[in-house]
Amino acid sequence: MTTTEETSAAAQGHLPATAAYRRVVVALFAAGIATFTLLYSTQAILPQLSARFGVSTEASTLTVSLTTLGLGAALLVVGPISDRRGRTGLIHFSLAASSLIAIACAFSPNWTTLLTLRLLEGVALAGLPAVATAYLREELHPSAQARAAGLYIGGTALGGMTGRLLTGGVAEIAGWHWALAAAAALSLVCALAVRVLLPSSERFAPTPPAAGTLVRAGLRALSDPALISLYVIGGCSSGALVAVFNTLGFRLADAPFHLGLAAASLLFLVYPVGTLSSALFGRLADRFGRRAVMPLGCVLAVGGTLLTIPSALPAVVLGLALLVGGFFAVHGVASGWVPARAFAGGASTAQAASLYLFTYYLGSSVFGSLAGTAWADAAWPGVAGLAAILLCVAGTLALRLRRTPALRSS
């Protein structure tokens, strides 16, 4: 590549192998860790919370579902705000505010207070996922966007694993208060790293504040059948994953496993598979196209879910690894596809990303709580069946997207 070509390419965004590109990727990787450490910090300790506060399995899942519900609802507001105010400020505010609320959660005196704070924590967390993929689309060269989105999703996978391992281990030793405090401390460290590393937006162009402009951009994000399919894929796939992991601790505490919190949380060590698969499928999407690789992720996830049904720990571990790998492949591809498709169709990238994440977390909230009912009524086959149905819906829509015409931005 000549000097003139390199300059022209750099004008389109940060190129791989540059210092700025590495800072973006590392910063958003750390931000993903912080966000998902806090978002799912109670998931590994649901059996302890259920026993400590005297609530049912279904009620205990509210500490996860209310957080994801608050996050999803806030995304509908935060996305349009970011179109007018910018990306990086919201990311920094979101990480700082959610870390402070997480500290308050650790000292909750009663069940109602804990649920209220977890709902507020979800609202505070919305700043990062609402703008992360839009920031990547604006600041990175088009040739690197899919792989960078995969790396960001990999950070969220690692955060999900770290939070669950950390809280499960600490809760067994020192109780749930210290478990949530440890998650808050980790998120503060990540927030400081993001503050130091994340470059300010250079290519952000504010959307005119006219309400009509926002409405038109929002309608475009709701009128494209491909975007709608991607939204539903996000909601179904996340609902399947959270349904499995919300009830996993209860299953492992029962016969024939009889595992404690710390031992059960070790099964979250499968999450690095998600980090690897999201990065791998991001590269495959850059090479072969998103349409070609997304259905493969759905197939992996369905197979993994069915493999968890036998009451044999090796089968459960392998099944969870395939489920996590398949899910993060789908989510990594879809979350990068949404802003790219929205931009090509003239829709607001941030609003489209917010709508995708709204359905993603709505599915997580609804089906994550419904899993508690499935567990009470039909034990693990009921939970696995619910997850498999959701993933089959996602897979069907992914196959339909292969026949959807591509858009070309002007």
Protein backbone atom coordinates (compact mmCIF):
# COMPACT_ATOMS: atom_id res chain seq x y z
CA MET A 1 0.00 0.00 0.00
CA THR A 2 1.39 3.43 -0.99
CA THR A 3 1.65 6.37 1.40
CA THR A 4 -1.32 8.03 -0.30
CA GLU A 5 -3.42 4.87 0.04
CA GLU A 6 -2.45 4.50 3.72
CA THR A 7 -3.46 8.11 4.39
CA SER A 8 -6.79 7.60 2.61
CA ALA A 9 -7.46 4.39 4.56
CA ALA A 10 -6.58 6.03 7.88
CA ALA A 11 -9.07 8.80 7.14
CA GLN A 12 -11.81 6.16 7.23
CA GLY A 13 -10.88 5.11 10.77
CA HIS A 14 -8.19 3.55 12.90
CA LEU A 15 -6.44 0.70 11.12
CA PRO A 16 -5.39 -2.62 12.72
CA ALA A 17 -1.83 -2.69 14.08
CA THR A 18 -1.95 1.02 14.97
CA ALA A 19 -1.63 2.28 18.55
CA ALA A 20 -5.04 3.95 18.43
CA TYR A 21 -6.71 0.74 17.25
CA ARG A 22 -5.12 -1.23 20.10
CA ARG A 23 -6.23 1.39 22.65
CA VAL A 24 -9.82 1.20 21.38
CA VAL A 25 -9.91 -2.60 21.48
CA VAL A 26 -8.28 -2.91 24.93
CA ALA A 27 -10.47 -0.16 26.42
CA LEU A 28 -13.73 -1.63 25.14
CA PHE A 29 -12.57 -5.11 26.15
CA ALA A 30 -12.11 -3.79 29.72
CA ALA A 31 -15.45 -1.97 29.55
CA GLY A 32 -17.15 -5.19 28.49
CA ILE A 33 -15.60 -6.99 31.46
CA ALA A 34 -16.85 -4.34 33.89
CA THR A 35 -20.36 -4.19 32.43
CA PHE A 36 -21.01 -7.91 32.41
CA THR A 37 -19.30 -8.53 35.74
CA LEU A 38 -21.89 -6.22 37.30
CA LEU A 39 -24.83 -7.23 35.14
CA TYR A 40 -24.64 -10.91 36.14
CA SER A 41 -22.89 -10.56 39.51
CA THR A 42 -25.79 -12.20 41.37
CA GLN A 43 -26.31 -15.12 38.98
CA ALA A 44 -23.80 -17.50 40.59
CA ILE A 45 -25.11 -16.76 44.10
CA LEU A 46 -28.85 -17.10 43.45
CA PRO A 47 -29.15 -20.19 45.70
CA GLN A 48 -27.53 -18.26 48.58
CA LEU A 49 -29.72 -15.19 48.01
CA SER A 50 -32.80 -17.43 47.89
CA ALA A 51 -31.89 -19.02 51.23
CA ARG A 52 -30.72 -15.78 52.90
CA PHE A 53 -33.83 -13.74 52.05
CA GLY A 54 -36.31 -16.63 52.12
CA VAL A 55 -37.52 -16.23 48.53
CA SER A 56 -38.31 -18.77 45.82
CA THR A 57 -36.15 -19.74 42.86
CA GLU A 58 -38.34 -17.65 40.57
CA ALA A 59 -38.07 -14.61 42.87
CA SER A 60 -34.29 -14.90 43.20
CA THR A 61 -33.89 -14.60 39.41
CA LEU A 62 -35.32 -11.07 39.68
CA THR A 63 -31.89 -9.85 40.82
CA VAL A 64 -30.77 -10.64 37.28
CA SER A 65 -33.97 -9.97 35.33
CA LEU A 66 -34.66 -6.54 36.84
CA THR A 67 -31.11 -5.44 36.05
CA THR A 68 -31.33 -6.54 32.43
CA LEU A 69 -34.84 -5.04 32.17
CA GLY A 70 -33.62 -1.69 33.50
CA LEU A 71 -30.70 -1.76 31.11
CA GLY A 72 -32.90 -2.60 28.13
CA ALA A 73 -35.43 0.16 28.88
CA ALA A 74 -32.69 2.76 29.42
CA LEU A 75 -31.10 1.87 26.09
CA LEU A 76 -34.10 3.35 24.26
CA VAL A 77 -33.30 6.73 25.83
CA VAL A 78 -29.51 6.58 25.97
CA GLY A 79 -29.09 5.66 22.30
CA PRO A 80 -30.77 8.81 20.94
CA ILE A 81 -28.97 10.94 23.54
CA SER A 82 -25.64 9.59 22.35
CA ASP A 83 -26.53 10.57 18.78
CA ARG A 84 -26.67 14.18 19.97
CA ARG A 85 -24.13 14.29 22.80
CA GLY A 86 -21.43 11.85 21.77
CA ARG A 87 -20.17 8.40 22.75
CA THR A 88 -17.17 8.51 25.07
CA GLY A 89 -18.74 10.70 27.77
CA LEU A 90 -21.62 8.27 28.17
CA ILE A 91 -19.26 5.32 28.38
CA HIS A 92 -17.25 6.92 31.20
CA PHE A 93 -20.36 8.04 33.12
CA SER A 94 -21.99 4.62 32.78
CA LEU A 95 -19.00 2.72 34.17
CA ALA A 96 -18.50 5.12 37.09
CA ALA A 97 -22.18 5.31 38.12
CA SER A 98 -22.81 1.58 37.87
CA SER A 99 -19.70 0.82 39.95
CA LEU A 100 -20.93 3.12 42.74
CA ILE A 101 -24.39 1.55 42.71
CA ALA A 102 -22.75 -1.88 42.83
CA ILE A 103 -21.03 -0.87 46.08
CA ALA A 104 -24.43 0.11 47.51
CA CYS A 105 -25.86 -3.29 46.45
CA ALA A 106 -23.29 -5.03 48.62
CA PHE A 107 -24.73 -3.30 51.69
CA SER A 108 -28.43 -3.81 50.92
CA PRO A 109 -30.32 -4.28 54.23
CA ASN A 110 -33.30 -6.13 52.74
CA TRP A 111 -34.67 -7.82 49.65
CA THR A 112 -36.67 -4.82 48.38
CA THR A 113 -33.64 -2.54 48.59
CA LEU A 114 -31.45 -5.05 46.76
CA LEU A 115 -33.99 -5.39 43.92
CA THR A 116 -34.37 -1.60 43.66
CA LEU A 117 -30.62 -1.06 43.48
CA ARG A 118 -30.20 -3.84 40.92
CA LEU A 119 -32.84 -2.17 38.73
CA LEU A 120 -31.01 1.17 39.02
CA GLU A 121 -27.73 -0.59 38.26
CA GLY A 122 -29.17 -1.82 34.99
CA VAL A 123 -30.23 1.72 34.07
CA ALA A 124 -26.73 3.04 34.86
CA LEU A 125 -25.05 0.29 32.84
CA ALA A 126 -26.90 1.27 29.65
CA GLY A 127 -24.32 3.85 28.56
CA LEU A 128 -21.76 1.35 27.34
CA PRO A 129 -23.75 -1.20 25.32
CA ALA A 130 -25.89 1.58 23.80
CA VAL A 131 -22.91 3.20 22.10
CA ALA A 132 -20.10 0.63 21.92
CA THR A 133 -20.87 -0.79 18.47
CA ALA A 134 -21.74 2.66 17.09
CA TYR A 135 -18.40 3.95 18.42
CA LEU A 136 -16.58 1.07 16.72
CA ARG A 137 -18.33 1.75 13.41
CA GLU A 138 -17.39 5.44 13.55
CA GLU A 139 -13.82 5.22 14.81
CA LEU A 140 -12.42 2.08 13.14
CA HIS A 141 -11.68 1.34 9.51
CA PRO A 142 -14.52 -0.68 7.87
CA SER A 143 -12.16 -3.62 7.26
CA ALA A 144 -11.64 -4.05 11.03
CA GLN A 145 -15.11 -3.40 12.41
CA ALA A 146 -16.44 -6.98 12.52
CA ARG A 147 -13.33 -8.38 14.22
CA ALA A 148 -13.26 -5.48 16.72
CA ALA A 149 -16.93 -6.06 17.51
CA GLY A 150 -16.06 -9.72 18.10
CA LEU A 151 -13.26 -8.74 20.49
CA TYR A 152 -15.60 -6.40 22.37
CA ILE A 153 -18.16 -9.18 22.72
CA GLY A 154 -15.28 -11.39 23.85
CA GLY A 155 -14.68 -8.92 26.67
CA THR A 156 -18.31 -9.21 27.69
CA ALA A 157 -17.94 -13.01 27.72
CA LEU A 158 -14.87 -12.78 29.94
CA GLY A 159 -16.70 -10.33 32.19
CA GLY A 160 -19.61 -12.72 32.52
CA MET A 161 -17.25 -15.51 33.53
CA THR A 162 -15.15 -13.37 35.89
CA GLY A 163 -18.14 -11.95 37.70
CA ARG A 164 -19.70 -15.34 38.28
CA LEU A 165 -16.46 -17.01 39.35
CA LEU A 166 -15.57 -14.12 41.62
CA THR A 167 -18.93 -13.85 43.35
CA GLY A 168 -19.41 -17.62 43.62
CA GLY A 169 -16.01 -18.14 45.24
CA VAL A 170 -16.20 -15.14 47.57
CA ALA A 171 -19.79 -15.91 48.60
CA GLU A 172 -18.86 -19.41 49.74
CA ILE A 173 -16.05 -18.00 51.91
CA ALA A 174 -17.42 -14.69 53.17
CA GLY A 175 -21.07 -14.41 52.11
CA TRP A 176 -23.02 -12.53 49.47
CA HIS A 177 -22.18 -9.03 50.81
CA TRP A 178 -18.46 -9.46 50.15
CA ALA A 179 -19.17 -11.23 46.86
CA LEU A 180 -20.98 -8.19 45.47
CA ALA A 181 -18.33 -5.86 46.92
CA ALA A 182 -15.62 -7.80 45.08
CA ALA A 183 -17.52 -7.42 41.79
CA ALA A 184 -17.83 -3.68 42.42
CA ALA A 185 -14.09 -3.37 43.07
CA LEU A 186 -13.24 -5.14 39.81
CA SER A 187 -15.55 -2.85 37.85
CA LEU A 188 -13.90 0.24 39.35
CA VAL A 189 -10.49 -0.97 38.19
CA CYS A 190 -11.84 -1.52 34.67
CA ALA A 191 -13.52 1.91 34.68
CA LEU A 192 -10.18 3.55 35.47
CA ALA A 193 -8.49 1.62 32.65
CA VAL A 194 -11.14 2.79 30.20
CA ARG A 195 -10.73 6.39 31.36
CA VAL A 196 -7.01 6.22 30.60
CA LEU A 197 -7.08 4.23 27.35
CA LEU A 198 -10.21 5.05 25.35
CA PRO A 199 -9.55 7.66 22.63
CA SER A 200 -12.08 10.48 22.32
CA SER A 201 -14.38 10.32 19.33
CA GLU A 202 -12.83 11.85 16.20
CA ARG A 203 -15.47 10.97 13.61
CA PHE A 204 -18.66 11.46 15.60
CA ALA A 205 -21.16 13.73 13.83
CA PRO A 206 -24.04 14.91 16.06
CA THR A 207 -27.54 14.20 14.82
CA PRO A 208 -29.55 17.43 14.40
CA PRO A 209 -31.71 17.85 17.51
CA ALA A 210 -34.97 18.15 15.57
CA ALA A 211 -37.50 15.64 16.83
CA GLY A 212 -38.58 14.84 13.28
CA THR A 213 -35.06 13.76 12.36
CA LEU A 214 -34.88 11.39 15.31
CA VAL A 215 -38.33 9.97 14.55
CA ARG A 216 -37.48 9.35 10.88
CA ALA A 217 -34.20 7.68 11.78
CA GLY A 218 -35.97 5.58 14.38
CA LEU A 219 -38.69 4.52 11.93
CA ARG A 220 -36.03 3.36 9.48
CA ALA A 221 -34.53 1.25 12.27
CA LEU A 222 -37.98 -0.33 12.78
CA SER A 223 -38.98 -0.79 9.14
CA ASP A 224 -36.11 -2.89 7.80
CA PRO A 225 -37.06 -6.61 7.96
CA ALA A 226 -33.40 -7.60 8.29
CA LEU A 227 -32.92 -5.36 11.33
CA ILE A 228 -36.11 -6.69 12.89
CA SER A 229 -34.86 -10.25 12.39
CA LEU A 230 -31.56 -9.32 14.05
CA TYR A 231 -33.41 -7.80 17.00
CA VAL A 232 -35.42 -11.00 17.50
CA ILE A 233 -32.29 -13.15 17.12
CA GLY A 234 -30.69 -11.16 19.93
CA GLY A 235 -33.70 -11.56 22.22
CA CYS A 236 -34.11 -15.29 21.63
CA SER A 237 -30.42 -16.17 21.90
CA SER A 238 -29.85 -14.14 25.07
CA GLY A 239 -33.04 -15.54 26.59
CA ALA A 240 -31.77 -19.06 25.96
CA LEU A 241 -28.36 -18.43 27.52
CA VAL A 242 -29.68 -16.67 30.63
CA ALA A 243 -32.40 -19.28 31.10
CA VAL A 244 -29.72 -21.96 31.31
CA PHE A 245 -27.35 -20.07 33.60
CA ASN A 246 -30.03 -18.66 35.91
CA THR A 247 -31.07 -22.17 36.88
CA LEU A 248 -27.71 -23.92 36.57
CA GLY A 249 -26.74 -23.30 40.20
CA PHE A 250 -29.96 -24.87 41.46
CA ARG A 251 -29.43 -27.93 39.27
CA LEU A 252 -25.84 -28.41 40.41
CA ALA A 253 -26.86 -28.07 44.06
CA ASP A 254 -29.37 -30.93 43.61
CA ALA A 255 -28.77 -34.65 43.12
CA PRO A 256 -26.74 -36.19 41.60
CA PHE A 257 -24.19 -33.33 41.65
CA HIS A 258 -24.50 -31.77 45.15
CA LEU A 259 -22.00 -28.98 44.36
CA GLY A 260 -21.42 -25.93 46.56
CA LEU A 261 -21.40 -22.36 45.23
CA ALA A 262 -17.65 -22.23 44.64
CA ALA A 263 -17.55 -25.59 42.86
CA ALA A 264 -20.64 -24.83 40.79
CA SER A 265 -19.23 -21.45 39.74
CA LEU A 266 -16.24 -23.26 38.20
CA LEU A 267 -18.51 -24.28 35.34
CA PHE A 268 -18.45 -20.64 34.28
CA LEU A 269 -14.88 -21.33 33.18
CA VAL A 270 -16.46 -22.30 29.87
CA TYR A 271 -16.91 -18.58 29.15
CA PRO A 272 -13.48 -18.12 27.50
CA VAL A 273 -14.90 -20.32 24.75
CA GLY A 274 -17.24 -17.40 24.07
CA THR A 275 -14.32 -14.99 23.93
CA LEU A 276 -12.56 -17.17 21.39
CA SER A 277 -15.65 -17.90 19.31
CA SER A 278 -16.75 -14.26 19.09
CA ALA A 279 -13.28 -13.22 17.90
CA LEU A 280 -13.07 -16.20 15.48
CA PHE A 281 -16.52 -15.65 14.02
CA GLY A 282 -15.78 -11.94 13.71
CA ARG A 283 -12.81 -12.77 11.49
CA LEU A 284 -14.85 -15.33 9.56
CA ALA A 285 -17.57 -12.71 9.05
CA ASP A 286 -15.00 -10.28 7.65
CA ARG A 287 -13.83 -12.98 5.22
CA PHE A 288 -16.98 -14.89 4.24
CA GLY A 289 -19.78 -12.52 5.24
CA ARG A 290 -22.08 -12.35 8.24
CA ARG A 291 -24.89 -14.19 6.43
CA ALA A 292 -22.73 -17.27 5.97
CA VAL A 293 -21.45 -17.69 9.52
CA MET A 294 -24.36 -16.74 11.81
CA PRO A 295 -26.41 -19.94 11.25
CA LEU A 296 -23.38 -22.02 12.28
CA GLY A 297 -23.38 -20.32 15.68
CA CYS A 298 -27.06 -21.22 16.16
CA VAL A 299 -26.37 -24.87 15.34
CA LEU A 300 -23.54 -24.99 17.91
CA ALA A 301 -25.75 -23.45 20.59
CA VAL A 302 -28.68 -25.82 20.02
CA GLY A 303 -26.39 -28.86 20.10
CA GLY A 304 -24.76 -27.67 23.30
CA THR A 305 -28.12 -27.08 25.00
CA LEU A 306 -29.34 -30.60 24.24
CA LEU A 307 -26.05 -32.06 25.46
CA THR A 308 -26.66 -30.64 28.96
CA ILE A 309 -29.76 -32.80 29.51
CA PRO A 310 -28.01 -36.03 30.67
CA SER A 311 -27.11 -36.08 34.37
CA ALA A 312 -23.39 -36.52 33.71
CA LEU A 313 -21.06 -33.69 34.65
CA PRO A 314 -18.71 -34.07 31.64
CA ALA A 315 -21.69 -33.87 29.26
CA VAL A 316 -22.99 -30.80 31.08
CA VAL A 317 -19.61 -29.06 30.88
CA LEU A 318 -19.18 -29.84 27.17
CA GLY A 319 -22.75 -28.80 26.45
CA LEU A 320 -22.29 -25.49 28.25
CA ALA A 321 -19.07 -24.83 26.33
CA LEU A 322 -20.82 -25.39 22.99
CA LEU A 323 -23.80 -23.28 24.08
CA VAL A 324 -21.55 -20.38 25.15
CA GLY A 325 -19.42 -20.66 22.01
CA GLY A 326 -22.44 -20.72 19.72
CA PHE A 327 -24.23 -17.92 21.55
CA PHE A 328 -21.29 -15.51 21.49
CA ALA A 329 -20.68 -16.30 17.83
CA VAL A 330 -24.28 -15.29 17.06
CA HIS A 331 -24.26 -12.25 19.34
CA GLY A 332 -20.85 -11.05 18.15
CA VAL A 333 -21.89 -11.20 14.50
CA ALA A 334 -25.37 -9.72 15.07
CA SER A 335 -24.22 -6.82 17.26
CA GLY A 336 -21.74 -5.73 14.59
CA TRP A 337 -24.21 -6.31 11.76
CA VAL A 338 -26.94 -4.07 13.22
CA PRO A 339 -25.10 -0.70 13.05
CA ALA A 340 -23.60 -1.59 9.65
CA ARG A 341 -27.03 -2.45 8.22
CA ALA A 342 -28.61 0.62 9.83
CA PHE A 343 -25.94 2.94 8.40
CA ALA A 344 -26.36 1.46 4.92
CA GLY A 345 -30.13 1.96 5.13
CA GLY A 346 -29.98 5.54 6.41
CA ALA A 347 -31.16 4.68 9.93
CA SER A 348 -29.61 5.90 13.18
CA THR A 349 -26.85 3.46 14.09
CA ALA A 350 -27.18 4.18 17.81
CA GLN A 351 -30.97 3.80 17.76
CA ALA A 352 -30.70 0.54 15.84
CA ALA A 353 -28.06 -0.73 18.28
CA SER A 354 -30.30 0.34 21.18
CA LEU A 355 -33.29 -1.49 19.70
CA TYR A 356 -31.20 -4.61 19.20
CA LEU A 357 -29.99 -4.47 22.79
CA PHE A 358 -33.47 -3.65 24.09
CA THR A 359 -34.83 -6.87 22.61
CA TYR A 360 -31.66 -8.67 23.70
CA TYR A 361 -32.18 -7.70 27.34
CA LEU A 362 -35.94 -8.00 27.16
CA GLY A 363 -35.47 -11.61 26.08
CA SER A 364 -32.91 -12.08 28.83
CA SER A 365 -35.33 -10.69 31.44
CA VAL A 366 -38.48 -12.49 30.32
CA PHE A 367 -37.02 -15.90 29.51
CA GLY A 368 -34.49 -15.72 32.35
CA SER A 369 -37.37 -15.46 34.83
CA LEU A 370 -39.52 -17.95 32.91
CA ALA A 371 -36.68 -20.44 33.37
CA GLY A 372 -37.39 -20.40 37.10
CA THR A 373 -40.93 -21.56 36.39
CA ALA A 374 -39.67 -24.16 33.92
CA TRP A 375 -37.28 -25.47 36.56
CA ALA A 376 -40.04 -25.68 39.19
CA ASP A 377 -42.45 -27.44 36.80
CA ALA A 378 -40.24 -29.71 34.68
CA ALA A 379 -36.73 -29.58 36.20
CA TRP A 380 -33.76 -29.41 33.81
CA PRO A 381 -35.44 -30.90 30.71
CA GLY A 382 -37.95 -28.04 30.91
CA VAL A 383 -35.18 -25.42 31.04
CA ALA A 384 -33.18 -27.04 28.24
CA GLY A 385 -36.32 -27.40 26.12
CA LEU A 386 -37.15 -23.71 26.55
CA ALA A 387 -33.61 -22.71 25.55
CA ALA A 388 -33.54 -25.05 22.54
CA ILE A 389 -36.83 -23.66 21.20
CA LEU A 390 -35.55 -20.09 21.47
CA LEU A 391 -32.32 -20.99 19.69
CA CYS A 392 -34.21 -22.74 16.89
CA VAL A 393 -36.23 -19.56 16.34
CA ALA A 394 -32.96 -17.60 16.15
CA GLY A 395 -31.50 -20.14 13.72
CA THR A 396 -34.55 -19.98 11.45
CA LEU A 397 -34.30 -16.20 11.25
CA ALA A 398 -30.54 -16.42 10.60
CA LEU A 399 -31.22 -18.70 7.63
CA ARG A 400 -33.83 -16.27 6.31
CA LEU A 401 -31.27 -13.46 6.48
CA ARG A 402 -29.16 -15.33 3.93
CA ARG A 403 -31.88 -14.51 1.36
CA THR A 404 -32.32 -10.85 2.42
CA PRO A 405 -30.85 -8.39 -0.11
CA ALA A 406 -27.79 -6.45 1.04
CA LEU A 407 -27.84 -2.66 1.22
CA ARG A 408 -25.12 -0.42 -0.13
CA SER A 409 -24.60 2.92 1.60
CA SER A 410 -24.04 5.93 -0.59
